[in-house]
Amino acid sequence: RSERFFCSEIIRGALFRKFKKELPYCCEVRIDSFREPRDHDKKKLTRIEATILVERESQKKIVVGAGGEAVKAVGVDARQHLEEFLQDRVFLALNVKVDKDWRKNEDRLKQFGYLR
């Protein structure tokens, strides 16, 4: 499995820790970009942009939280675990989007690796 896969699972783990059984089963994490530090970069850190996909607008409100508090807490937790896994400093940007009924869409399930 790729680093991207493990990074998405680490972010999902942070969702589980934050929301317990309330929400994570309807969440999927997609890594949109993964850039390792380059020699000429002033700040040596891995930059990761990820999207948390949920099925309903009401779920998005829960994941984002009041004033973005919940998604920020997920990001802090995930970043700490990502830095441990990658053995590097990490900049993590999280977005939350609604992908209506993604768990019922065979093409989406294949895209996310749940079906072949």
PDB file of N, CA and C in Angstrom:
ATOM      1  N   ARG A   1       0.831  -1.195   0.000  1.00  0.00           N
ATOM      2  CA  ARG A   1       0.000   0.000   0.000  1.00  0.00           C
ATOM      3  C   ARG A   1       0.874   1.256   0.000  1.00  0.00           C
ATOM      4  N   SER A   2       0.338   2.323  -0.555  1.00  0.00           N
ATOM      5  CA  SER A   2       1.106   3.554  -0.694  1.00  0.00           C
ATOM      6  C   SER A   2       1.052   4.401   0.578  1.00  0.00           C
ATOM      7  N   GLU A   3       1.964   5.369   0.661  1.00  0.00           N
ATOM      8  CA  GLU A   3       1.943   6.319   1.771  1.00  0.00           C
ATOM      9  C   GLU A   3       0.619   7.065   1.816  1.00  0.00           C
ATOM     10  N   ARG A   4       0.087   7.390   0.645  1.00  0.00           N
ATOM     11  CA  ARG A   4      -1.205   8.099   0.577  1.00  0.00           C
ATOM     12  C   ARG A   4      -2.303   7.295   1.275  1.00  0.00           C
ATOM     13  N   PHE A   5      -2.324   5.986   1.030  1.00  0.00           N
ATOM     14  CA  PHE A   5      -3.326   5.132   1.665  1.00  0.00           C
ATOM     15  C   PHE A   5      -3.189   5.203   3.179  1.00  0.00           C
ATOM     16  N   PHE A   6      -1.965   5.036   3.671  1.00  0.00           N
ATOM     17  CA  PHE A   6      -1.760   5.051   5.116  1.00  0.00           C
ATOM     18  C   PHE A   6      -2.090   6.417   5.710  1.00  0.00           C
ATOM     19  N   CYS A   7      -1.785   7.472   4.984  1.00  0.00           N
ATOM     20  CA  CYS A   7      -2.132   8.821   5.461  1.00  0.00           C
ATOM     21  C   CYS A   7      -3.640   8.991   5.560  1.00  0.00           C
ATOM     22  N   SER A   8      -4.368   8.505   4.574  1.00  0.00           N
ATOM     23  CA  SER A   8      -5.835   8.610   4.635  1.00  0.00           C
ATOM     24  C   SER A   8      -6.383   7.809   5.818  1.00  0.00           C
ATOM     25  N   GLU A   9      -5.779   6.655   6.087  1.00  0.00           N
ATOM     26  CA  GLU A   9      -6.223   5.840   7.225  1.00  0.00           C
ATOM     27  C   GLU A   9      -5.886   6.503   8.565  1.00  0.00           C
ATOM     28  N   ILE A  10      -4.768   7.191   8.621  1.00  0.00           N
ATOM     29  CA  ILE A  10      -4.402   7.911   9.840  1.00  0.00           C
ATOM     30  C   ILE A  10      -5.409   9.035  10.098  1.00  0.00           C
ATOM     31  N   ILE A  11      -5.817   9.727   9.051  1.00  0.00           N
ATOM     32  CA  ILE A  11      -6.819  10.790   9.202  1.00  0.00           C
ATOM     33  C   ILE A  11      -8.161  10.184   9.617  1.00  0.00           C
ATOM     34  N   ARG A  12      -8.525   9.047   9.005  1.00  0.00           N
ATOM     35  CA  ARG A  12      -9.762   8.354   9.427  1.00  0.00           C
ATOM     36  C   ARG A  12      -9.688   7.961  10.900  1.00  0.00           C
ATOM     37  N   GLY A  13      -8.526   7.525  11.340  1.00  0.00           N
ATOM     38  CA  GLY A  13      -8.338   7.183  12.747  1.00  0.00           C
ATOM     39  C   GLY A  13      -8.597   8.371  13.647  1.00  0.00           C
ATOM     40  N   ALA A  14      -8.150   9.542  13.225  1.00  0.00           N
ATOM     41  CA  ALA A  14      -8.406  10.763  13.998  1.00  0.00           C
ATOM     42  C   ALA A  14      -9.906  11.058  14.053  1.00  0.00           C
ATOM     43  N   LEU A  15     -10.611  10.784  12.954  1.00  0.00           N
ATOM     44  CA  LEU A  15     -12.078  10.948  12.948  1.00  0.00           C
ATOM     45  C   LEU A  15     -12.725  10.013  13.964  1.00  0.00           C
ATOM     46  N   PHE A  16     -12.250   8.766  14.014  1.00  0.00           N
ATOM     47  CA  PHE A  16     -12.793   7.799  14.976  1.00  0.00           C
ATOM     48  C   PHE A  16     -12.529   8.245  16.413  1.00  0.00           C
ATOM     49  N   ARG A  17     -11.334   8.735  16.661  1.00  0.00           N
ATOM     50  CA  ARG A  17     -11.015   9.182  18.025  1.00  0.00           C
ATOM     51  C   ARG A  17     -11.863  10.390  18.433  1.00  0.00           C
ATOM     52  N   LYS A  18     -12.115  11.285  17.497  1.00  0.00           N
ATOM     53  CA  LYS A  18     -12.877  12.505  17.807  1.00  0.00           C
ATOM     54  C   LYS A  18     -14.369  12.213  17.959  1.00  0.00           C
ATOM     55  N   PHE A  19     -14.930  11.437  17.039  1.00  0.00           N
ATOM     56  CA  PHE A  19     -16.380  11.270  16.991  1.00  0.00           C
ATOM     57  C   PHE A  19     -16.865   9.926  17.514  1.00  0.00           C
ATOM     58  N   LYS A  20     -15.963   9.061  17.926  1.00  0.00           N
ATOM     59  CA  LYS A  20     -16.303   7.718  18.417  1.00  0.00           C
ATOM     60  C   LYS A  20     -17.179   7.003  17.398  1.00  0.00           C
ATOM     61  N   LYS A  21     -18.349   6.537  17.824  1.00  0.00           N
ATOM     62  CA  LYS A  21     -19.235   5.795  16.915  1.00  0.00           C
ATOM     63  C   LYS A  21     -20.242   6.702  16.218  1.00  0.00           C
ATOM     64  N   GLU A  22     -20.201   7.973  16.548  1.00  0.00           N
ATOM     65  CA  GLU A  22     -21.210   8.906  16.051  1.00  0.00           C
ATOM     66  C   GLU A  22     -21.215   9.062  14.538  1.00  0.00           C
ATOM     67  N   LEU A  23     -20.050   9.031  13.899  1.00  0.00           N
ATOM     68  CA  LEU A  23     -19.993   9.466  12.519  1.00  0.00           C
ATOM     69  C   LEU A  23     -19.063   8.719  11.568  1.00  0.00           C
ATOM     70  N   PRO A  24     -17.899   8.255  11.977  1.00  0.00           N
ATOM     71  CA  PRO A  24     -16.842   7.878  11.024  1.00  0.00           C
ATOM     72  C   PRO A  24     -17.207   6.843   9.965  1.00  0.00           C
ATOM     73  N   TYR A  25     -18.190   6.007  10.190  1.00  0.00           N
ATOM     74  CA  TYR A  25     -18.498   4.977   9.196  1.00  0.00           C
ATOM     75  C   TYR A  25     -19.026   5.567   7.898  1.00  0.00           C
ATOM     76  N   CYS A  26     -19.547   6.773   7.958  1.00  0.00           N
ATOM     77  CA  CYS A  26     -20.061   7.398   6.737  1.00  0.00           C
ATOM     78  C   CYS A  26     -19.040   8.362   6.147  1.00  0.00           C
ATOM     79  N   CYS A  27     -17.803   8.340   6.641  1.00  0.00           N
ATOM     80  CA  CYS A  27     -16.745   9.240   6.170  1.00  0.00           C
ATOM     81  C   CYS A  27     -15.717   8.480   5.338  1.00  0.00           C
ATOM     82  N   GLU A  28     -15.261   9.126   4.305  1.00  0.00           N
ATOM     83  CA  GLU A  28     -14.155   8.629   3.496  1.00  0.00           C
ATOM     84  C   GLU A  28     -13.130   9.748   3.420  1.00  0.00           C
ATOM     85  N   VAL A  29     -11.866   9.407   3.443  1.00  0.00           N
ATOM     86  CA  VAL A  29     -10.809  10.412   3.345  1.00  0.00           C
ATOM     87  C   VAL A  29     -10.071  10.206   2.034  1.00  0.00           C
ATOM     88  N   ARG A  30      -9.993  11.264   1.259  1.00  0.00           N
ATOM     89  CA  ARG A  30      -9.287  11.233  -0.033  1.00  0.00           C
ATOM     90  C   ARG A  30      -8.083  12.170   0.055  1.00  0.00           C
ATOM     91  N   ILE A  31      -6.920  11.676  -0.283  1.00  0.00           N
ATOM     92  CA  ILE A  31      -5.715  12.510  -0.315  1.00  0.00           C
ATOM     93  C   ILE A  31      -5.683  13.201  -1.674  1.00  0.00           C
ATOM     94  N   ASP A  32      -5.814  14.526  -1.656  1.00  0.00           N
ATOM     95  CA  ASP A  32      -5.847  15.297  -2.900  1.00  0.00           C
ATOM     96  C   ASP A  32      -4.449  15.641  -3.396  1.00  0.00           C
ATOM     97  N   SER A  33      -3.542  15.929  -2.467  1.00  0.00           N
ATOM     98  CA  SER A  33      -2.152  16.166  -2.866  1.00  0.00           C
ATOM     99  C   SER A  33      -1.228  15.756  -1.726  1.00  0.00           C
ATOM    100  N   PHE A  34      -0.054  15.292  -2.127  1.00  0.00           N
ATOM    101  CA  PHE A  34       0.953  14.809  -1.181  1.00  0.00           C
ATOM    102  C   PHE A  34       2.302  15.244  -1.749  1.00  0.00           C
ATOM    103  N   ARG A  35       2.903  16.210  -1.073  1.00  0.00           N
ATOM    104  CA  ARG A  35       4.174  16.732  -1.582  1.00  0.00           C
ATOM    105  C   ARG A  35       5.239  16.659  -0.498  1.00  0.00           C
ATOM    106  N   GLU A  36       6.279  15.895  -0.779  1.00  0.00           N
ATOM    107  CA  GLU A  36       7.385  15.777   0.149  1.00  0.00           C
ATOM    108  C   GLU A  36       8.279  17.006   0.021  1.00  0.00           C
ATOM    109  N   PRO A  37       9.049  17.318   1.061  1.00  0.00           N
ATOM    110  CA  PRO A  37       9.915  18.498   0.983  1.00  0.00           C
ATOM    111  C   PRO A  37      10.967  18.346  -0.113  1.00  0.00           C
ATOM    112  N   ARG A  38      11.291  19.474  -0.726  1.00  0.00           N
ATOM    113  CA  ARG A  38      12.338  19.496  -1.754  1.00  0.00           C
ATOM    114  C   ARG A  38      13.580  20.137  -1.167  1.00  0.00           C
ATOM    115  N   ASP A  39      14.699  19.890  -1.787  1.00  0.00           N
ATOM    116  CA  ASP A  39      15.972  20.402  -1.278  1.00  0.00           C
ATOM    117  C   ASP A  39      15.977  21.917  -1.126  1.00  0.00           C
ATOM    118  N   HIS A  40      15.331  22.631  -2.053  1.00  0.00           N
ATOM    119  CA  HIS A  40      15.377  24.095  -2.032  1.00  0.00           C
ATOM    120  C   HIS A  40      14.283  24.730  -1.150  1.00  0.00           C
ATOM    121  N   ASP A  41      13.404  23.930  -0.575  1.00  0.00           N
ATOM    122  CA  ASP A  41      12.358  24.473   0.301  1.00  0.00           C
ATOM    123  C   ASP A  41      12.980  25.052   1.569  1.00  0.00           C
ATOM    124  N   LYS A  42      12.496  26.236   1.964  1.00  0.00           N
ATOM    125  CA  LYS A  42      12.975  26.844   3.205  1.00  0.00           C
ATOM    126  C   LYS A  42      12.512  26.036   4.409  1.00  0.00           C
ATOM    127  N   LYS A  43      11.239  25.660   4.399  1.00  0.00           N
ATOM    128  CA  LYS A  43      10.685  24.849   5.488  1.00  0.00           C
ATOM    129  C   LYS A  43      10.619  23.406   5.018  1.00  0.00           C
ATOM    130  N   LYS A  44      11.281  22.537   5.734  1.00  0.00           N
ATOM    131  CA  LYS A  44      11.303  21.121   5.378  1.00  0.00           C
ATOM    132  C   LYS A  44      10.103  20.435   6.004  1.00  0.00           C
ATOM    133  N   LEU A  45       9.016  20.352   5.226  1.00  0.00           N
ATOM    134  CA  LEU A  45       7.841  19.648   5.712  1.00  0.00           C
ATOM    135  C   LEU A  45       7.065  19.044   4.566  1.00  0.00           C
ATOM    136  N   THR A  46       6.377  17.960   4.880  1.00  0.00           N
ATOM    137  CA  THR A  46       5.528  17.285   3.903  1.00  0.00           C
ATOM    138  C   THR A  46       4.177  17.990   3.905  1.00  0.00           C
ATOM    139  N   ARG A  47       3.702  18.332   2.727  1.00  0.00           N
ATOM    140  CA  ARG A  47       2.424  19.038   2.594  1.00  0.00           C
ATOM    141  C   ARG A  47       1.363  18.052   2.092  1.00  0.00           C
ATOM    142  N   ILE A  48       0.293  17.934   2.875  1.00  0.00           N
ATOM    143  CA  ILE A  48      -0.790  17.007   2.531  1.00  0.00           C
ATOM    144  C   ILE A  48      -2.100  17.781   2.511  1.00  0.00           C
ATOM    145  N   GLU A  49      -2.833  17.649   1.422  1.00  0.00           N
ATOM    146  CA  GLU A  49      -4.184  18.192   1.341  1.00  0.00           C
ATOM    147  C   GLU A  49      -5.130  17.011   1.215  1.00  0.00           C
ATOM    148  N   ALA A  50      -6.148  16.982   2.075  1.00  0.00           N
ATOM    149  CA  ALA A  50      -7.079  15.855   2.082  1.00  0.00           C
ATOM    150  C   ALA A  50      -8.505  16.360   2.179  1.00  0.00           C
ATOM    151  N   THR A  51      -9.410  15.571   1.642  1.00  0.00           N
ATOM    152  CA  THR A  51     -10.841  15.874   1.719  1.00  0.00           C
ATOM    153  C   THR A  51     -11.531  14.762   2.490  1.00  0.00           C
ATOM    154  N   ILE A  52     -12.323  15.166   3.463  1.00  0.00           N
ATOM    155  CA  ILE A  52     -13.170  14.235   4.203  1.00  0.00           C
ATOM    156  C   ILE A  52     -14.528  14.274   3.525  1.00  0.00           C
ATOM    157  N   LEU A  53     -14.946  13.137   2.986  1.00  0.00           N
ATOM    158  CA  LEU A  53     -16.238  13.056   2.309  1.00  0.00           C
ATOM    159  C   LEU A  53     -17.278  12.462   3.243  1.00  0.00           C
ATOM    160  N   VAL A  54     -18.427  13.114   3.307  1.00  0.00           N
ATOM    161  CA  VAL A  54     -19.562  12.624   4.085  1.00  0.00           C
ATOM    162  C   VAL A  54     -20.759  12.526   3.156  1.00  0.00           C
ATOM    163  N   GLU A  55     -21.813  11.868   3.613  1.00  0.00           N
ATOM    164  CA  GLU A  55     -22.979  11.643   2.743  1.00  0.00           C
ATOM    165  C   GLU A  55     -24.053  12.716   2.859  1.00  0.00           C
ATOM    166  N   ARG A  56     -24.077  13.447   3.953  1.00  0.00           N
ATOM    167  CA  ARG A  56     -25.172  14.391   4.204  1.00  0.00           C
ATOM    168  C   ARG A  56     -24.621  15.734   4.698  1.00  0.00           C
ATOM    169  N   GLU A  57     -25.361  16.768   4.407  1.00  0.00           N
ATOM    170  CA  GLU A  57     -25.010  18.110   4.881  1.00  0.00           C
ATOM    171  C   GLU A  57     -24.980  18.154   6.413  1.00  0.00           C
ATOM    172  N   SER A  58     -25.889  17.416   7.057  1.00  0.00           N
ATOM    173  CA  SER A  58     -25.924  17.395   8.522  1.00  0.00           C
ATOM    174  C   SER A  58     -24.638  16.768   9.089  1.00  0.00           C
ATOM    175  N   GLN A  59     -24.083  15.782   8.381  1.00  0.00           N
ATOM    176  CA  GLN A  59     -22.830  15.154   8.806  1.00  0.00           C
ATOM    177  C   GLN A  59     -21.663  16.124   8.626  1.00  0.00           C
ATOM    178  N   LYS A  60     -21.719  16.905   7.563  1.00  0.00           N
ATOM    179  CA  LYS A  60     -20.675  17.902   7.322  1.00  0.00           C
ATOM    180  C   LYS A  60     -20.643  18.905   8.470  1.00  0.00           C
ATOM    181  N   LYS A  61     -21.810  19.339   8.919  1.00  0.00           N
ATOM    182  CA  LYS A  61     -21.871  20.301  10.030  1.00  0.00           C
ATOM    183  C   LYS A  61     -21.243  19.723  11.292  1.00  0.00           C
ATOM    184  N   ILE A  62     -21.447  18.426  11.525  1.00  0.00           N
ATOM    185  CA  ILE A  62     -20.857  17.779  12.699  1.00  0.00           C
ATOM    186  C   ILE A  62     -19.332  17.724  12.560  1.00  0.00           C
ATOM    187  N   VAL A  63     -18.842  17.314  11.390  1.00  0.00           N
ATOM    188  CA  VAL A  63     -17.399  17.179  11.179  1.00  0.00           C
ATOM    189  C   VAL A  63     -16.709  18.542  11.261  1.00  0.00           C
ATOM    190  N   VAL A  64     -17.314  19.559  10.682  1.00  0.00           N
ATOM    191  CA  VAL A  64     -16.714  20.893  10.725  1.00  0.00           C
ATOM    192  C   VAL A  64     -16.792  21.458  12.138  1.00  0.00           C
ATOM    193  N   GLY A  65     -17.957  21.315  12.787  1.00  0.00           N
ATOM    194  CA  GLY A  65     -18.138  21.828  14.144  1.00  0.00           C
ATOM    195  C   GLY A  65     -18.331  23.329  14.159  1.00  0.00           C
ATOM    196  N   ALA A  66     -18.673  23.844  15.317  1.00  0.00           N
ATOM    197  CA  ALA A  66     -18.909  25.273  15.486  1.00  0.00           C
ATOM    198  C   ALA A  66     -17.610  26.032  15.241  1.00  0.00           C
ATOM    199  N   GLY A  67     -17.636  26.912  14.255  1.00  0.00           N
ATOM    200  CA  GLY A  67     -16.448  27.705  13.939  1.00  0.00           C
ATOM    201  C   GLY A  67     -15.266  26.894  13.455  1.00  0.00           C
ATOM    202  N   GLY A  68     -15.502  25.676  12.985  1.00  0.00           N
ATOM    203  CA  GLY A  68     -14.426  24.820  12.484  1.00  0.00           C
ATOM    204  C   GLY A  68     -13.652  24.103  13.574  1.00  0.00           C
ATOM    205  N   GLU A  69     -14.173  24.157  14.811  1.00  0.00           N
ATOM    206  CA  GLU A  69     -13.464  23.557  15.951  1.00  0.00           C
ATOM    207  C   GLU A  69     -13.214  22.059  15.793  1.00  0.00           C
ATOM    208  N   ALA A  70     -14.227  21.328  15.350  1.00  0.00           N
ATOM    209  CA  ALA A  70     -14.103  19.864  15.280  1.00  0.00           C
ATOM    210  C   ALA A  70     -13.085  19.448  14.223  1.00  0.00           C
ATOM    211  N   VAL A  71     -13.168  20.024  13.038  1.00  0.00           N
ATOM    212  CA  VAL A  71     -12.230  19.638  11.980  1.00  0.00           C
ATOM    213  C   VAL A  71     -10.809  20.076  12.357  1.00  0.00           C
ATOM    214  N   LYS A  72     -10.678  21.156  13.075  1.00  0.00           N
ATOM    215  CA  LYS A  72      -9.360  21.584  13.543  1.00  0.00           C
ATOM    216  C   LYS A  72      -8.776  20.557  14.516  1.00  0.00           C
ATOM    217  N   ALA A  73      -9.610  20.068  15.440  1.00  0.00           N
ATOM    218  CA  ALA A  73      -9.152  19.059  16.407  1.00  0.00           C
ATOM    219  C   ALA A  73      -8.753  17.770  15.691  1.00  0.00           C
ATOM    220  N   VAL A  74      -9.529  17.371  14.700  1.00  0.00           N
ATOM    221  CA  VAL A  74      -9.189  16.182  13.904  1.00  0.00           C
ATOM    222  C   VAL A  74      -7.855  16.408  13.204  1.00  0.00           C
ATOM    223  N   GLY A  75      -7.674  17.594  12.637  1.00  0.00           N
ATOM    224  CA  GLY A  75      -6.439  17.915  11.930  1.00  0.00           C
ATOM    225  C   GLY A  75      -5.216  17.893  12.825  1.00  0.00           C
ATOM    226  N   VAL A  76      -5.336  18.440  14.030  1.00  0.00           N
ATOM    227  CA  VAL A  76      -4.211  18.457  14.975  1.00  0.00           C
ATOM    228  C   VAL A  76      -3.827  17.027  15.354  1.00  0.00           C
ATOM    229  N   ASP A  77      -4.843  16.225  15.695  1.00  0.00           N
ATOM    230  CA  ASP A  77      -4.600  14.828  16.068  1.00  0.00           C
ATOM    231  C   ASP A  77      -3.968  14.063  14.900  1.00  0.00           C
ATOM    232  N   ALA A  78      -4.550  14.211  13.713  1.00  0.00           N
ATOM    233  CA  ALA A  78      -4.050  13.493  12.537  1.00  0.00           C
ATOM    234  C   ALA A  78      -2.627  13.932  12.207  1.00  0.00           C
ATOM    235  N   ARG A  79      -2.358  15.224  12.281  1.00  0.00           N
ATOM    236  CA  ARG A  79      -1.023  15.723  11.955  1.00  0.00           C
ATOM    237  C   ARG A  79       0.038  15.116  12.878  1.00  0.00           C
ATOM    238  N   GLN A  80      -0.279  15.033  14.159  1.00  0.00           N
ATOM    239  CA  GLN A  80       0.676  14.438  15.100  1.00  0.00           C
ATOM    240  C   GLN A  80       0.986  12.982  14.738  1.00  0.00           C
ATOM    241  N   HIS A  81      -0.052  12.224  14.397  1.00  0.00           N
ATOM    242  CA  HIS A  81       0.146  10.826  14.013  1.00  0.00           C
ATOM    243  C   HIS A  81       0.852  10.706  12.650  1.00  0.00           C
ATOM    244  N   LEU A  82       0.547  11.624  11.731  1.00  0.00           N
ATOM    245  CA  LEU A  82       1.215  11.614  10.428  1.00  0.00           C
ATOM    246  C   LEU A  82       2.704  11.912  10.571  1.00  0.00           C
ATOM    247  N   GLU A  83       3.043  12.863  11.441  1.00  0.00           N
ATOM    248  CA  GLU A  83       4.455  13.189  11.648  1.00  0.00           C
ATOM    249  C   GLU A  83       5.211  11.996  12.228  1.00  0.00           C
ATOM    250  N   GLU A  84       4.550  11.281  13.111  1.00  0.00           N
ATOM    251  CA  GLU A  84       5.164  10.079  13.684  1.00  0.00           C
ATOM    252  C   GLU A  84       5.366   9.014  12.608  1.00  0.00           C
ATOM    253  N   PHE A  85       4.354   8.818  11.779  1.00  0.00           N
ATOM    254  CA  PHE A  85       4.419   7.810  10.720  1.00  0.00           C
ATOM    255  C   PHE A  85       5.456   8.171   9.655  1.00  0.00           C
ATOM    256  N   LEU A  86       5.449   9.417   9.195  1.00  0.00           N
ATOM    257  CA  LEU A  86       6.323   9.850   8.104  1.00  0.00           C
ATOM    258  C   LEU A  86       7.721  10.246   8.586  1.00  0.00           C
ATOM    259  N   GLN A  87       7.891  10.388   9.900  1.00  0.00           N
ATOM    260  CA  GLN A  87       9.164  10.832  10.459  1.00  0.00           C
ATOM    261  C   GLN A  87       9.595  12.153   9.831  1.00  0.00           C
ATOM    262  N   ASP A  88       8.635  13.069   9.724  1.00  0.00           N
ATOM    263  CA  ASP A  88       8.874  14.368   9.108  1.00  0.00           C
ATOM    264  C   ASP A  88       7.808  15.336   9.609  1.00  0.00           C
ATOM    265  N   ARG A  89       8.106  16.625   9.553  1.00  0.00           N
ATOM    266  CA  ARG A  89       7.091  17.617   9.892  1.00  0.00           C
ATOM    267  C   ARG A  89       6.040  17.628   8.790  1.00  0.00           C
ATOM    268  N   VAL A  90       4.780  17.904   9.161  1.00  0.00           N
ATOM    269  CA  VAL A  90       3.676  17.832   8.214  1.00  0.00           C
ATOM    270  C   VAL A  90       2.826  19.089   8.289  1.00  0.00           C
ATOM    271  N   PHE A  91       2.468  19.613   7.110  1.00  0.00           N
ATOM    272  CA  PHE A  91       1.425  20.626   6.999  1.00  0.00           C
ATOM    273  C   PHE A  91       0.214  19.884   6.452  1.00  0.00           C
ATOM    274  N   LEU A  92      -0.885  19.902   7.191  1.00  0.00           N
ATOM    275  CA  LEU A  92      -2.085  19.171   6.793  1.00  0.00           C
ATOM    276  C   LEU A  92      -3.246  20.138   6.602  1.00  0.00           C
ATOM    277  N   ALA A  93      -3.818  20.144   5.418  1.00  0.00           N
ATOM    278  CA  ALA A  93      -5.002  20.950   5.120  1.00  0.00           C
ATOM    279  C   ALA A  93      -6.169  19.999   4.898  1.00  0.00           C
ATOM    280  N   LEU A  94      -7.219  20.164   5.674  1.00  0.00           N
ATOM    281  CA  LEU A  94      -8.405  19.314   5.553  1.00  0.00           C
ATOM    282  C   LEU A  94      -9.585  20.108   5.023  1.00  0.00           C
ATOM    283  N   ASN A  95     -10.300  19.501   4.100  1.00  0.00           N
ATOM    284  CA  ASN A  95     -11.565  20.047   3.596  1.00  0.00           C
ATOM    285  C   ASN A  95     -12.639  19.014   3.877  1.00  0.00           C
ATOM    286  N   VAL A  96     -13.872  19.480   4.018  1.00  0.00           N
ATOM    287  CA  VAL A  96     -15.000  18.570   4.231  1.00  0.00           C
ATOM    288  C   VAL A  96     -16.014  18.830   3.129  1.00  0.00           C
ATOM    289  N   LYS A  97     -16.407  17.771   2.424  1.00  0.00           N
ATOM    290  CA  LYS A  97     -17.363  17.901   1.321  1.00  0.00           C
ATOM    291  C   LYS A  97     -18.435  16.824   1.431  1.00  0.00           C
ATOM    292  N   VAL A  98     -19.603  17.154   0.898  1.00  0.00           N
ATOM    293  CA  VAL A  98     -20.708  16.198   0.836  1.00  0.00           C
ATOM    294  C   VAL A  98     -20.656  15.486  -0.511  1.00  0.00           C
ATOM    295  N   ASP A  99     -20.666  14.158  -0.482  1.00  0.00           N
ATOM    296  CA  ASP A  99     -20.768  13.319  -1.676  1.00  0.00           C
ATOM    297  C   ASP A  99     -21.963  12.412  -1.417  1.00  0.00           C
ATOM    298  N   LYS A 100     -23.127  12.893  -1.803  1.00  0.00           N
ATOM    299  CA  LYS A 100     -24.394  12.261  -1.440  1.00  0.00           C
ATOM    300  C   LYS A 100     -24.414  10.768  -1.773  1.00  0.00           C
ATOM    301  N   ASP A 101     -24.696   9.977  -0.747  1.00  0.00           N
ATOM    302  CA  ASP A 101     -24.871   8.518  -0.885  1.00  0.00           C
ATOM    303  C   ASP A 101     -23.680   7.818  -1.541  1.00  0.00           C
ATOM    304  N   TRP A 102     -22.461   8.260  -1.244  1.00  0.00           N
ATOM    305  CA  TRP A 102     -21.301   7.647  -1.874  1.00  0.00           C
ATOM    306  C   TRP A 102     -21.194   6.161  -1.564  1.00  0.00           C
ATOM    307  N   ARG A 103     -21.712   5.729  -0.401  1.00  0.00           N
ATOM    308  CA  ARG A 103     -21.599   4.302  -0.045  1.00  0.00           C
ATOM    309  C   ARG A 103     -22.531   3.414  -0.861  1.00  0.00           C
ATOM    310  N   LYS A 104     -23.477   4.014  -1.563  1.00  0.00           N
ATOM    311  CA  LYS A 104     -24.403   3.247  -2.402  1.00  0.00           C
ATOM    312  C   LYS A 104     -24.018   3.297  -3.880  1.00  0.00           C
ATOM    313  N   ASN A 105     -22.962   4.006  -4.204  1.00  0.00           N
ATOM    314  CA  ASN A 105     -22.528   4.191  -5.576  1.00  0.00           C
ATOM    315  C   ASN A 105     -21.360   3.247  -5.880  1.00  0.00           C
ATOM    316  N   GLU A 106     -21.591   2.274  -6.735  1.00  0.00           N
ATOM    317  CA  GLU A 106     -20.585   1.255  -7.035  1.00  0.00           C
ATOM    318  C   GLU A 106     -19.302   1.864  -7.600  1.00  0.00           C
ATOM    319  N   ASP A 107     -19.431   2.871  -8.470  1.00  0.00           N
ATOM    320  CA  ASP A 107     -18.238   3.511  -9.040  1.00  0.00           C
ATOM    321  C   ASP A 107     -17.409   4.184  -7.950  1.00  0.00           C
ATOM    322  N   ARG A 108     -18.071   4.851  -7.010  1.00  0.00           N
ATOM    323  CA  ARG A 108     -17.360   5.513  -5.915  1.00  0.00           C
ATOM    324  C   ARG A 108     -16.684   4.480  -5.013  1.00  0.00           C
ATOM    325  N   LEU A 109     -17.368   3.373  -4.739  1.00  0.00           N
ATOM    326  CA  LEU A 109     -16.798   2.318  -3.901  1.00  0.00           C
ATOM    327  C   LEU A 109     -15.549   1.732  -4.560  1.00  0.00           C
ATOM    328  N   LYS A 110     -15.577   1.573  -5.877  1.00  0.00           N
ATOM    329  CA  LYS A 110     -14.403   1.086  -6.607  1.00  0.00           C
ATOM    330  C   LYS A 110     -13.282   2.123  -6.529  1.00  0.00           C
ATOM    331  N   GLN A 111     -13.636   3.395  -6.725  1.00  0.00           N
ATOM    332  CA  GLN A 111     -12.650   4.467  -6.691  1.00  0.00           C
ATOM    333  C   GLN A 111     -11.944   4.534  -5.346  1.00  0.00           C
ATOM    334  N   PHE A 112     -12.683   4.294  -4.267  1.00  0.00           N
ATOM    335  CA  PHE A 112     -12.125   4.361  -2.915  1.00  0.00           C
ATOM    336  C   PHE A 112     -11.467   3.055  -2.493  1.00  0.00           C
ATOM    337  N   GLY A 113     -11.538   2.028  -3.373  1.00  0.00           N
ATOM    338  CA  GLY A 113     -10.843   0.784  -3.081  1.00  0.00           C
ATOM    339  C   GLY A 113     -11.642  -0.243  -2.289  1.00  0.00           C
ATOM    340  N   TYR A 114     -12.950  -0.046  -2.165  1.00  0.00           N
ATOM    341  CA  TYR A 114     -13.781  -1.000  -1.423  1.00  0.00           C
ATOM    342  C   TYR A 114     -14.242  -2.144  -2.323  1.00  0.00           C
ATOM    343  N   LEU A 115     -14.291  -1.931  -3.627  1.00  0.00           N
ATOM    344  CA  LEU A 115     -14.688  -2.970  -4.586  1.00  0.00           C
ATOM    345  C   LEU A 115     -13.638  -3.043  -5.683  1.00  0.00           C
ATOM    346  N   ARG A 116     -13.601  -4.190  -6.349  1.00  0.00           N
ATOM    347  CA  ARG A 116     -12.691  -4.348  -7.478  1.00  0.00           C
ATOM    348  C   ARG A 116     -13.448  -4.276  -8.769  1.00  0.00           C
TER     349      ARG A 116
END
